[in-house]
Amino acid sequence: LRGVFALAGRELKTENPMEGIENSKHQAAAPDPLSTAEM
């Protein structure tokens, strides 16, 4: 969606309506390695 509005904005010379619309925060999964014994 950001790509579409950026492309249109360059051609139309208009403001980008996506300005100020940020990504939603989410918790990234942490590494969960196995022990050598489990492996």
Full PDB file with SEQRES, HELIX, SHEET, SSBOND, CRYST1, ORIGX, SCALE, CONECT and MASTER records, all heavy atoms in Angstrom:
SEQRES   1 A   39  LEU ARG GLY VAL PHE ALA LEU ALA GLY ARG GLU LEU LYS          
SEQRES   2 A   39  THR GLU ASN PRO MET GLU GLY ILE GLU ASN SER LYS HIS          
SEQRES   3 A   39  GLN ALA ALA ALA PRO ASP PRO LEU SER THR ALA GLU MET          
HELIX    1 AA1 ARG A    2  LEU A   12  1                                  11    
CRYST1    1.000    1.000    1.000  90.00  90.00  90.00 P 1           1          
ORIGX1      1.000000  0.000000  0.000000        0.00000                         
ORIGX2      0.000000  1.000000  0.000000        0.00000                         
ORIGX3      0.000000  0.000000  1.000000        0.00000                         
SCALE1      1.000000  0.000000  0.000000        0.00000                         
SCALE2      0.000000  1.000000  0.000000        0.00000                         
SCALE3      0.000000  0.000000  1.000000        0.00000                         
ATOM      1  N   LEU A   1       0.831  -1.201   0.000  1.00  0.00           N  
ATOM      2  CA  LEU A   1       0.000   0.000   0.000  1.00  0.00           C  
ATOM      3  C   LEU A   1       0.867   1.253   0.000  1.00  0.00           C  
ATOM      4  O   LEU A   1       0.588   2.217  -0.726  1.00  0.00           O  
ATOM      5  CB  LEU A   1      -0.935   0.001   1.213  1.00  0.00           C  
ATOM      6  CG  LEU A   1      -1.946   1.148   1.257  1.00  0.00           C  
ATOM      7  CD1 LEU A   1      -2.898   1.076   0.079  1.00  0.00           C  
ATOM      8  CD2 LEU A   1      -2.728   1.121   2.579  1.00  0.00           C  
ATOM      9  N   ARG A   2       1.916   1.257   0.796  1.00  0.00           N  
ATOM     10  CA  ARG A   2       2.845   2.396   0.794  1.00  0.00           C  
ATOM     11  C   ARG A   2       3.479   2.555  -0.583  1.00  0.00           C  
ATOM     12  O   ARG A   2       3.679   3.669  -1.064  1.00  0.00           O  
ATOM     13  CB  ARG A   2       3.927   2.189   1.856  1.00  0.00           C  
ATOM     14  CG  ARG A   2       3.423   2.309   3.299  1.00  0.00           C  
ATOM     15  CD  ARG A   2       4.590   2.418   4.269  1.00  0.00           C  
ATOM     16  NE  ARG A   2       4.110   2.599   5.633  1.00  0.00           N  
ATOM     17  CZ  ARG A   2       4.045   1.646   6.546  1.00  0.00           C  
ATOM     18  NH1 ARG A   2       4.449   0.418   6.244  1.00  0.00           N  
ATOM     19  NH2 ARG A   2       3.589   1.899   7.757  1.00  0.00           N  
ATOM     20  N   GLY A   3       3.806   1.424  -1.210  1.00  0.00           N  
ATOM     21  CA  GLY A   3       4.417   1.487  -2.533  1.00  0.00           C  
ATOM     22  C   GLY A   3       3.496   2.120  -3.562  1.00  0.00           C  
ATOM     23  O   GLY A   3       3.930   2.921  -4.390  1.00  0.00           O  
ATOM     24  N   VAL A   4       2.210   1.763  -3.514  1.00  0.00           N  
ATOM     25  CA  VAL A   4       1.239   2.309  -4.471  1.00  0.00           C  
ATOM     26  C   VAL A   4       1.118   3.820  -4.312  1.00  0.00           C  
ATOM     27  O   VAL A   4       1.173   4.577  -5.290  1.00  0.00           O  
ATOM     28  CB  VAL A   4      -0.137   1.643  -4.288  1.00  0.00           C  
ATOM     29  CG1 VAL A   4      -1.203   2.379  -5.107  1.00  0.00           C  
ATOM     30  CG2 VAL A   4      -0.084   0.179  -4.695  1.00  0.00           C  
ATOM     31  N   PHE A   5       0.964   4.285  -3.075  1.00  0.00           N  
ATOM     32  CA  PHE A   5       0.795   5.728  -2.853  1.00  0.00           C  
ATOM     33  C   PHE A   5       2.078   6.500  -3.143  1.00  0.00           C  
ATOM     34  O   PHE A   5       2.024   7.651  -3.593  1.00  0.00           O  
ATOM     35  CB  PHE A   5       0.328   5.994  -1.421  1.00  0.00           C  
ATOM     36  CG  PHE A   5      -1.153   5.789  -1.239  1.00  0.00           C  
ATOM     37  CD1 PHE A   5      -1.640   4.780  -0.431  1.00  0.00           C  
ATOM     38  CD2 PHE A   5      -2.066   6.599  -1.893  1.00  0.00           C  
ATOM     39  CE1 PHE A   5      -3.007   4.580  -0.263  1.00  0.00           C  
ATOM     40  CE2 PHE A   5      -3.434   6.414  -1.745  1.00  0.00           C  
ATOM     41  CZ  PHE A   5      -3.901   5.401  -0.925  1.00  0.00           C  
ATOM     42  N   ALA A   6       3.237   5.877  -2.901  1.00  0.00           N  
ATOM     43  CA  ALA A   6       4.498   6.547  -3.225  1.00  0.00           C  
ATOM     44  C   ALA A   6       4.640   6.710  -4.735  1.00  0.00           C  
ATOM     45  O   ALA A   6       5.056   7.767  -5.224  1.00  0.00           O  
ATOM     46  CB  ALA A   6       5.675   5.745  -2.662  1.00  0.00           C  
ATOM     47  N   LEU A   7       4.271   5.660  -5.490  1.00  0.00           N  
ATOM     48  CA  LEU A   7       4.342   5.739  -6.944  1.00  0.00           C  
ATOM     49  C   LEU A   7       3.392   6.795  -7.485  1.00  0.00           C  
ATOM     50  O   LEU A   7       3.774   7.629  -8.318  1.00  0.00           O  
ATOM     51  CB  LEU A   7       3.991   4.369  -7.543  1.00  0.00           C  
ATOM     52  CG  LEU A   7       3.957   4.278  -9.070  1.00  0.00           C  
ATOM     53  CD1 LEU A   7       5.344   4.517  -9.652  1.00  0.00           C  
ATOM     54  CD2 LEU A   7       3.419   2.922  -9.514  1.00  0.00           C  
ATOM     55  N   ALA A   8       2.152   6.782  -6.997  1.00  0.00           N  
ATOM     56  CA  ALA A   8       1.171   7.764  -7.466  1.00  0.00           C  
ATOM     57  C   ALA A   8       1.574   9.173  -7.076  1.00  0.00           C  
ATOM     58  O   ALA A   8       1.413  10.118  -7.853  1.00  0.00           O  
ATOM     59  CB  ALA A   8      -0.207   7.426  -6.887  1.00  0.00           C  
ATOM     60  N   GLY A   9       2.116   9.317  -5.863  1.00  0.00           N  
ATOM     61  CA  GLY A   9       2.502  10.649  -5.386  1.00  0.00           C  
ATOM     62  C   GLY A   9       3.588  11.281  -6.232  1.00  0.00           C  
ATOM     63  O   GLY A   9       3.572  12.491  -6.479  1.00  0.00           O  
ATOM     64  N   ARG A  10       4.534  10.454  -6.692  1.00  0.00           N  
ATOM     65  CA  ARG A  10       5.619  10.992  -7.532  1.00  0.00           C  
ATOM     66  C   ARG A  10       5.083  11.501  -8.865  1.00  0.00           C  
ATOM     67  O   ARG A  10       5.576  12.489  -9.406  1.00  0.00           O  
ATOM     68  CB  ARG A  10       6.685   9.916  -7.748  1.00  0.00           C  
ATOM     69  CG  ARG A  10       7.610   9.712  -6.565  1.00  0.00           C  
ATOM     70  CD  ARG A  10       8.807   8.872  -6.941  1.00  0.00           C  
ATOM     71  NE  ARG A  10       8.444   7.497  -7.223  1.00  0.00           N  
ATOM     72  CZ  ARG A  10       8.409   6.532  -6.309  1.00  0.00           C  
ATOM     73  NH1 ARG A  10       8.719   6.811  -5.051  1.00  0.00           N  
ATOM     74  NH2 ARG A  10       8.081   5.306  -6.647  1.00  0.00           N  
ATOM     75  N   GLU A  11       4.095  10.790  -9.396  1.00  0.00           N  
ATOM     76  CA  GLU A  11       3.540  11.192 -10.679  1.00  0.00           C  
ATOM     77  C   GLU A  11       2.571  12.363 -10.557  1.00  0.00           C  
ATOM     78  O   GLU A  11       2.543  13.262 -11.397  1.00  0.00           O  
ATOM     79  CB  GLU A  11       2.815   9.997 -11.322  1.00  0.00           C  
ATOM     80  CG  GLU A  11       3.726   8.857 -11.720  1.00  0.00           C  
ATOM     81  CD  GLU A  11       4.671   9.223 -12.846  1.00  0.00           C  
ATOM     82  OE1 GLU A  11       4.237   9.953 -13.757  1.00  0.00           O  
ATOM     83  OE2 GLU A  11       5.841   8.795 -12.807  1.00  0.00           O  
ATOM     84  N   LEU A  12       1.758  12.342  -9.500  1.00  0.00           N  
ATOM     85  CA  LEU A  12       0.715  13.359  -9.345  1.00  0.00           C  
ATOM     86  C   LEU A  12       1.189  14.585  -8.589  1.00  0.00           C  
ATOM     87  O   LEU A  12       0.472  15.591  -8.528  1.00  0.00           O  
ATOM     88  CB  LEU A  12      -0.489  12.750  -8.617  1.00  0.00           C  
ATOM     89  CG  LEU A  12      -1.182  11.580  -9.321  1.00  0.00           C  
ATOM     90  CD1 LEU A  12      -2.242  10.967  -8.412  1.00  0.00           C  
ATOM     91  CD2 LEU A  12      -1.808  12.031 -10.629  1.00  0.00           C  
ATOM     92  N   LYS A  13       2.404  14.468  -7.985  1.00  0.00           N  
ATOM     93  CA  LYS A  13       2.957  15.573  -7.170  1.00  0.00           C  
ATOM     94  C   LYS A  13       1.995  15.929  -6.026  1.00  0.00           C  
ATOM     95  O   LYS A  13       1.730  17.107  -5.767  1.00  0.00           O  
ATOM     96  CB  LYS A  13       3.216  16.804  -8.053  1.00  0.00           C  
ATOM     97  CG  LYS A  13       4.106  16.537  -9.250  1.00  0.00           C  
ATOM     98  CD  LYS A  13       5.500  16.108  -8.833  1.00  0.00           C  
ATOM     99  CE  LYS A  13       6.440  16.027 -10.036  1.00  0.00           C  
ATOM    100  NZ  LYS A  13       6.084  14.953 -10.978  1.00  0.00           N  
ATOM    101  N   THR A  14       1.500  14.899  -5.350  1.00  0.00           N  
ATOM    102  CA  THR A  14       0.567  15.112  -4.241  1.00  0.00           C  
ATOM    103  C   THR A  14       1.171  14.576  -2.952  1.00  0.00           C  
ATOM    104  O   THR A  14       2.137  13.813  -2.960  1.00  0.00           O  
ATOM    105  CB  THR A  14      -0.773  14.387  -4.501  1.00  0.00           C  
ATOM    106  OG1 THR A  14      -0.513  12.993  -4.708  1.00  0.00           O  
ATOM    107  CG2 THR A  14      -1.457  14.971  -5.725  1.00  0.00           C  
ATOM    108  N   GLU A  15       0.568  14.975  -1.830  1.00  0.00           N  
ATOM    109  CA  GLU A  15       1.025  14.480  -0.530  1.00  0.00           C  
ATOM    110  C   GLU A  15       0.674  13.001  -0.388  1.00  0.00           C  
ATOM    111  O   GLU A  15      -0.331  12.522  -0.928  1.00  0.00           O  
ATOM    112  CB  GLU A  15       0.384  15.281   0.602  1.00  0.00           C  
ATOM    113  CG  GLU A  15       0.843  16.730   0.667  1.00  0.00           C  
ATOM    114  CD  GLU A  15       0.273  17.442   1.870  1.00  0.00           C  
ATOM    115  OE1 GLU A  15      -0.410  16.776   2.686  1.00  0.00           O  
ATOM    116  OE2 GLU A  15       0.501  18.655   2.011  1.00  0.00           O  
ATOM    117  N   ASN A  16       1.500  12.305   0.342  1.00  0.00           N  
ATOM    118  CA  ASN A  16       1.294  10.872   0.549  1.00  0.00           C  
ATOM    119  C   ASN A  16       0.365  10.657   1.744  1.00  0.00           C  
ATOM    120  O   ASN A  16       0.718  10.999   2.867  1.00  0.00           O  
ATOM    121  CB  ASN A  16       2.639  10.189   0.802  1.00  0.00           C  
ATOM    122  CG  ASN A  16       2.534   8.676   0.763  1.00  0.00           C  
ATOM    123  OD1 ASN A  16       1.463   8.111   0.979  1.00  0.00           O  
ATOM    124  ND2 ASN A  16       3.646   8.020   0.500  1.00  0.00           N  
ATOM    125  N   PRO A  17      -0.827  10.075   1.534  1.00  0.00           N  
ATOM    126  CA  PRO A  17      -1.753   9.853   2.647  1.00  0.00           C  
ATOM    127  C   PRO A  17      -1.249   8.834   3.663  1.00  0.00           C  
ATOM    128  O   PRO A  17      -1.827   8.703   4.745  1.00  0.00           O  
ATOM    129  CB  PRO A  17      -3.024   9.356   1.961  1.00  0.00           C  
ATOM    130  CG  PRO A  17      -2.563   8.782   0.676  1.00  0.00           C  
ATOM    131  CD  PRO A  17      -1.395   9.617   0.255  1.00  0.00           C  
ATOM    132  N   MET A  18      -0.177   8.119   3.343  1.00  0.00           N  
ATOM    133  CA  MET A  18       0.362   7.132   4.274  1.00  0.00           C  
ATOM    134  C   MET A  18       1.269   7.762   5.320  1.00  0.00           C  
ATOM    135  O   MET A  18       1.665   7.099   6.286  1.00  0.00           O  
ATOM    136  CB  MET A  18       1.152   6.059   3.504  1.00  0.00           C  
ATOM    137  CG  MET A  18       0.306   5.215   2.566  1.00  0.00           C  
ATOM    138  SD  MET A  18      -0.984   4.301   3.429  1.00  0.00           S  
ATOM    139  CE  MET A  18       0.002   3.173   4.400  1.00  0.00           C  
ATOM    140  N   GLU A  19       1.602   9.038   5.136  1.00  0.00           N  
ATOM    141  CA  GLU A  19       2.437   9.716   6.122  1.00  0.00           C  
ATOM    142  C   GLU A  19       1.741   9.690   7.480  1.00  0.00           C  
ATOM    143  O   GLU A  19       0.597  10.112   7.617  1.00  0.00           O  
ATOM    144  CB  GLU A  19       2.699  11.171   5.708  1.00  0.00           C  
ATOM    145  CG  GLU A  19       3.595  11.326   4.483  1.00  0.00           C  
ATOM    146  CD  GLU A  19       5.017  10.889   4.746  1.00  0.00           C  
ATOM    147  OE1 GLU A  19       5.440  10.911   5.920  1.00  0.00           O  
ATOM    148  OE2 GLU A  19       5.706  10.506   3.780  1.00  0.00           O  
ATOM    149  N   GLY A  20       2.438   9.191   8.485  1.00  0.00           N  
ATOM    150  CA  GLY A  20       1.866   9.139   9.831  1.00  0.00           C  
ATOM    151  C   GLY A  20       1.176   7.827  10.161  1.00  0.00           C  
ATOM    152  O   GLY A  20       0.797   7.594  11.313  1.00  0.00           O  
ATOM    153  N   ILE A  21       0.990   6.962   9.177  1.00  0.00           N  
ATOM    154  CA  ILE A  21       0.404   5.643   9.433  1.00  0.00           C  
ATOM    155  C   ILE A  21       1.556   4.677   9.686  1.00  0.00           C  
ATOM    156  O   ILE A  21       2.261   4.276   8.761  1.00  0.00           O  
ATOM    157  CB  ILE A  21      -0.470   5.165   8.263  1.00  0.00           C  
ATOM    158  CG1 ILE A  21      -1.623   6.146   8.044  1.00  0.00           C  
ATOM    159  CG2 ILE A  21      -1.003   3.764   8.519  1.00  0.00           C  
ATOM    160  CD1 ILE A  21      -2.529   5.777   6.893  1.00  0.00           C  
ATOM    161  N   GLU A  22       1.756   4.338  10.949  1.00  0.00           N  
ATOM    162  CA  GLU A  22       2.905   3.543  11.358  1.00  0.00           C  
ATOM    163  C   GLU A  22       2.569   2.057  11.410  1.00  0.00           C  
ATOM    164  O   GLU A  22       1.403   1.668  11.460  1.00  0.00           O  
ATOM    165  CB  GLU A  22       3.400   4.003  12.744  1.00  0.00           C  
ATOM    166  CG  GLU A  22       3.701   5.489  12.833  1.00  0.00           C  
ATOM    167  CD  GLU A  22       4.897   5.887  11.981  1.00  0.00           C  
ATOM    168  OE1 GLU A  22       5.691   4.983  11.618  1.00  0.00           O  
ATOM    169  OE2 GLU A  22       5.041   7.084  11.674  1.00  0.00           O  
ATOM    170  N   ASN A  23       3.612   1.256  11.402  1.00  0.00           N  
ATOM    171  CA  ASN A  23       3.429  -0.182  11.590  1.00  0.00           C  
ATOM    172  C   ASN A  23       2.868  -0.458  12.984  1.00  0.00           C  
ATOM    173  O   ASN A  23       3.118   0.297  13.936  1.00  0.00           O  
ATOM    174  CB  ASN A  23       4.759  -0.917  11.449  1.00  0.00           C  
ATOM    175  CG  ASN A  23       5.119  -1.177  10.001  1.00  0.00           C  
ATOM    176  OD1 ASN A  23       4.379  -0.821   9.100  1.00  0.00           O  
ATOM    177  ND2 ASN A  23       6.262  -1.796   9.775  1.00  0.00           N  
ATOM    178  N   SER A  24       2.119  -1.521  13.095  1.00  0.00           N  
ATOM    179  CA  SER A  24       1.578  -1.939  14.384  1.00  0.00           C  
ATOM    180  C   SER A  24       2.660  -2.701  15.144  1.00  0.00           C  
ATOM    181  O   SER A  24       3.373  -3.526  14.576  1.00  0.00           O  
ATOM    182  CB  SER A  24       0.355  -2.834  14.172  1.00  0.00           C  
ATOM    183  OG  SER A  24      -0.198  -3.229  15.393  1.00  0.00           O  
ATOM    184  N   LYS A  25       2.791  -2.432  16.420  1.00  0.00           N  
ATOM    185  CA  LYS A  25       3.814  -3.087  17.219  1.00  0.00           C  
ATOM    186  C   LYS A  25       3.428  -4.538  17.482  1.00  0.00           C  
ATOM    187  O   LYS A  25       2.277  -4.851  17.752  1.00  0.00           O  
ATOM    188  CB  LYS A  25       4.005  -2.363  18.548  1.00  0.00           C  
ATOM    189  CG  LYS A  25       4.579  -0.950  18.398  1.00  0.00           C  
ATOM    190  CD  LYS A  25       4.792  -0.314  19.752  1.00  0.00           C  
ATOM    191  CE  LYS A  25       5.401   1.086  19.601  1.00  0.00           C  
ATOM    192  NZ  LYS A  25       5.615   1.741  20.920  1.00  0.00           N  
ATOM    193  N   HIS A  26       4.406  -5.410  17.369  1.00  0.00           N  
ATOM    194  CA  HIS A  26       4.163  -6.808  17.716  1.00  0.00           C  
ATOM    195  C   HIS A  26       5.438  -7.405  18.292  1.00  0.00           C  
ATOM    196  O   HIS A  26       6.539  -6.938  18.020  1.00  0.00           O  
ATOM    197  CB  HIS A  26       3.714  -7.608  16.488  1.00  0.00           C  
ATOM    198  CG  HIS A  26       4.804  -7.857  15.492  1.00  0.00           C  
ATOM    199  ND1 HIS A  26       5.224  -6.899  14.592  1.00  0.00           N  
ATOM    200  CD2 HIS A  26       5.565  -8.955  15.255  1.00  0.00           C  
ATOM    201  CE1 HIS A  26       6.179  -7.384  13.837  1.00  0.00           C  
ATOM    202  NE2 HIS A  26       6.414  -8.622  14.219  1.00  0.00           N  
ATOM    203  N   GLN A  27       5.266  -8.404  19.094  1.00  0.00           N  
ATOM    204  CA  GLN A  27       6.401  -9.025  19.772  1.00  0.00           C  
ATOM    205  C   GLN A  27       7.013 -10.090  18.884  1.00  0.00           C  
ATOM    206  O   GLN A  27       6.351 -11.080  18.533  1.00  0.00           O  
ATOM    207  CB  GLN A  27       5.951  -9.658  21.090  1.00  0.00           C  
ATOM    208  CG  GLN A  27       7.085 -10.305  21.885  1.00  0.00           C  
ATOM    209  CD  GLN A  27       6.625 -10.812  23.233  1.00  0.00           C  
ATOM    210  OE1 GLN A  27       5.639 -10.322  23.771  1.00  0.00           O  
ATOM    211  NE2 GLN A  27       7.325 -11.787  23.780  1.00  0.00           N  
ATOM    212  N   ALA A  28       8.265  -9.884  18.507  1.00  0.00           N  
ATOM    213  CA  ALA A  28       8.948 -10.862  17.677  1.00  0.00           C  
ATOM    214  C   ALA A  28       9.283 -12.094  18.505  1.00  0.00           C  
ATOM    215  O   ALA A  28       9.631 -11.994  19.689  1.00  0.00           O  
ATOM    216  CB  ALA A  28      10.223 -10.252  17.099  1.00  0.00           C  
ATOM    217  N   ALA A  29       9.157 -13.247  17.887  1.00  0.00           N  
ATOM    218  CA  ALA A  29       9.456 -14.486  18.594  1.00  0.00           C  
ATOM    219  C   ALA A  29      10.950 -14.567  18.897  1.00  0.00           C  
ATOM    220  O   ALA A  29      11.790 -14.353  18.019  1.00  0.00           O  
ATOM    221  CB  ALA A  29       9.026 -15.677  17.756  1.00  0.00           C  
ATOM    222  N   ALA A  30      11.279 -14.852  20.140  1.00  0.00           N  
ATOM    223  CA  ALA A  30      12.682 -14.952  20.540  1.00  0.00           C  
ATOM    224  C   ALA A  30      13.237 -16.313  20.137  1.00  0.00           C  
ATOM    225  O   ALA A  30      12.503 -17.296  20.026  1.00  0.00           O  
ATOM    226  CB  ALA A  30      12.799 -14.771  22.051  1.00  0.00           C  
ATOM    227  N   PRO A  31      14.553 -16.394  19.893  1.00  0.00           N  
ATOM    228  CA  PRO A  31      15.157 -17.700  19.605  1.00  0.00           C  
ATOM    229  C   PRO A  31      14.882 -18.669  20.749  1.00  0.00           C  
ATOM    230  O   PRO A  31      14.878 -18.284  21.920  1.00  0.00           O  
ATOM    231  CB  PRO A  31      16.651 -17.379  19.498  1.00  0.00           C  
ATOM    232  CG  PRO A  31      16.704 -15.935  19.141  1.00  0.00           C  
ATOM    233  CD  PRO A  31      15.544 -15.301  19.841  1.00  0.00           C  
ATOM    234  N   ASP A  32      14.654 -19.909  20.429  1.00  0.00           N  
ATOM    235  CA  ASP A  32      14.336 -20.914  21.440  1.00  0.00           C  
ATOM    236  C   ASP A  32      15.136 -22.179  21.143  1.00  0.00           C  
ATOM    237  O   ASP A  32      14.575 -23.225  20.796  1.00  0.00           O  
ATOM    238  CB  ASP A  32      12.833 -21.201  21.429  1.00  0.00           C  
ATOM    239  CG  ASP A  32      12.380 -22.001  22.636  1.00  0.00           C  
ATOM    240  OD1 ASP A  32      13.181 -22.167  23.571  1.00  0.00           O  
ATOM    241  OD2 ASP A  32      11.239 -22.469  22.636  1.00  0.00           O  
ATOM    242  N   PRO A  33      16.469 -22.092  21.252  1.00  0.00           N  
ATOM    243  CA  PRO A  33      17.307 -23.231  20.873  1.00  0.00           C  
ATOM    244  C   PRO A  33      17.119 -24.426  21.797  1.00  0.00           C  
ATOM    245  O   PRO A  33      16.657 -24.290  22.934  1.00  0.00           O  
ATOM    246  CB  PRO A  33      18.724 -22.665  20.980  1.00  0.00           C  
ATOM    247  CG  PRO A  33      18.607 -21.561  21.986  1.00  0.00           C  
ATOM    248  CD  PRO A  33      17.261 -20.956  21.765  1.00  0.00           C  
ATOM    249  N   LEU A  34      17.479 -25.587  21.289  1.00  0.00           N  
ATOM    250  CA  LEU A  34      17.449 -26.797  22.091  1.00  0.00           C  
ATOM    251  C   LEU A  34      18.814 -27.003  22.737  1.00  0.00           C  
ATOM    252  O   LEU A  34      19.838 -26.514  22.244  1.00  0.00           O  
ATOM    253  CB  LEU A  34      17.104 -28.011  21.218  1.00  0.00           C  
ATOM    254  CG  LEU A  34      15.700 -27.967  20.600  1.00  0.00           C  
ATOM    255  CD1 LEU A  34      15.776 -27.593  19.133  1.00  0.00           C  
ATOM    256  CD2 LEU A  34      14.989 -29.285  20.776  1.00  0.00           C  
ATOM    257  N   SER A  35      18.822 -27.723  23.820  1.00  0.00           N  
ATOM    258  CA  SER A  35      20.100 -28.057  24.436  1.00  0.00           C  
ATOM    259  C   SER A  35      20.790 -29.125  23.595  1.00  0.00           C  
ATOM    260  O   SER A  35      20.165 -29.779  22.744  1.00  0.00           O  
ATOM    261  CB  SER A  35      19.878 -28.577  25.854  1.00  0.00           C  
ATOM    262  OG  SER A  35      19.211 -29.840  25.818  1.00  0.00           O  
ATOM    263  N   THR A  36      22.088 -29.311  23.831  1.00  0.00           N  
ATOM    264  CA  THR A  36      22.811 -30.337  23.096  1.00  0.00           C  
ATOM    265  C   THR A  36      22.206 -31.713  23.352  1.00  0.00           C  
ATOM    266  O   THR A  36      22.076 -32.539  22.437  1.00  0.00           O  
ATOM    267  CB  THR A  36      24.295 -30.334  23.501  1.00  0.00           C  
ATOM    268  OG1 THR A  36      24.853 -29.045  23.233  1.00  0.00           O  
ATOM    269  CG2 THR A  36      25.073 -31.392  22.732  1.00  0.00           C  
ATOM    270  N   ALA A  37      21.800 -31.957  24.594  1.00  0.00           N  
ATOM    271  CA  ALA A  37      21.203 -33.252  24.934  1.00  0.00           C  
ATOM    272  C   ALA A  37      19.890 -33.454  24.182  1.00  0.00           C  
ATOM    273  O   ALA A  37      19.611 -34.552  23.672  1.00  0.00           O  
ATOM    274  CB  ALA A  37      20.974 -33.342  26.444  1.00  0.00           C  
ATOM    275  N   GLU A  38      19.065 -32.413  24.109  1.00  0.00           N  
ATOM    276  CA  GLU A  38      17.799 -32.512  23.373  1.00  0.00           C  
ATOM    277  C   GLU A  38      18.044 -32.750  21.893  1.00  0.00           C  
ATOM    278  O   GLU A  38      17.350 -33.550  21.257  1.00  0.00           O  
ATOM    279  CB  GLU A  38      16.975 -31.238  23.578  1.00  0.00           C  
ATOM    280  CG  GLU A  38      16.393 -31.086  24.975  1.00  0.00           C  
ATOM    281  CD  GLU A  38      15.706 -29.752  25.174  1.00  0.00           C  
ATOM    282  OE1 GLU A  38      16.185 -28.753  24.593  1.00  0.00           O  
ATOM    283  OE2 GLU A  38      14.706 -29.703  25.912  1.00  0.00           O  
ATOM    284  N   MET A  39      19.028 -32.049  21.339  1.00  0.00           N  
ATOM    285  CA  MET A  39      19.361 -32.231  19.933  1.00  0.00           C  
ATOM    286  C   MET A  39      19.731 -33.684  19.648  1.00  0.00           C  
ATOM    287  O   MET A  39      19.241 -34.291  18.678  1.00  0.00           O  
ATOM    288  CB  MET A  39      20.528 -31.314  19.552  1.00  0.00           C  
ATOM    289  CG  MET A  39      20.987 -31.459  18.110  1.00  0.00           C  
ATOM    290  SD  MET A  39      22.494 -30.508  17.737  1.00  0.00           S  
ATOM    291  CE  MET A  39      23.743 -31.579  18.499  1.00  0.00           C  
TER     292      MET A  39                                                      
MASTER        0    0    0    1    0    0    0    6  291    1    0    3          
END                                                                             
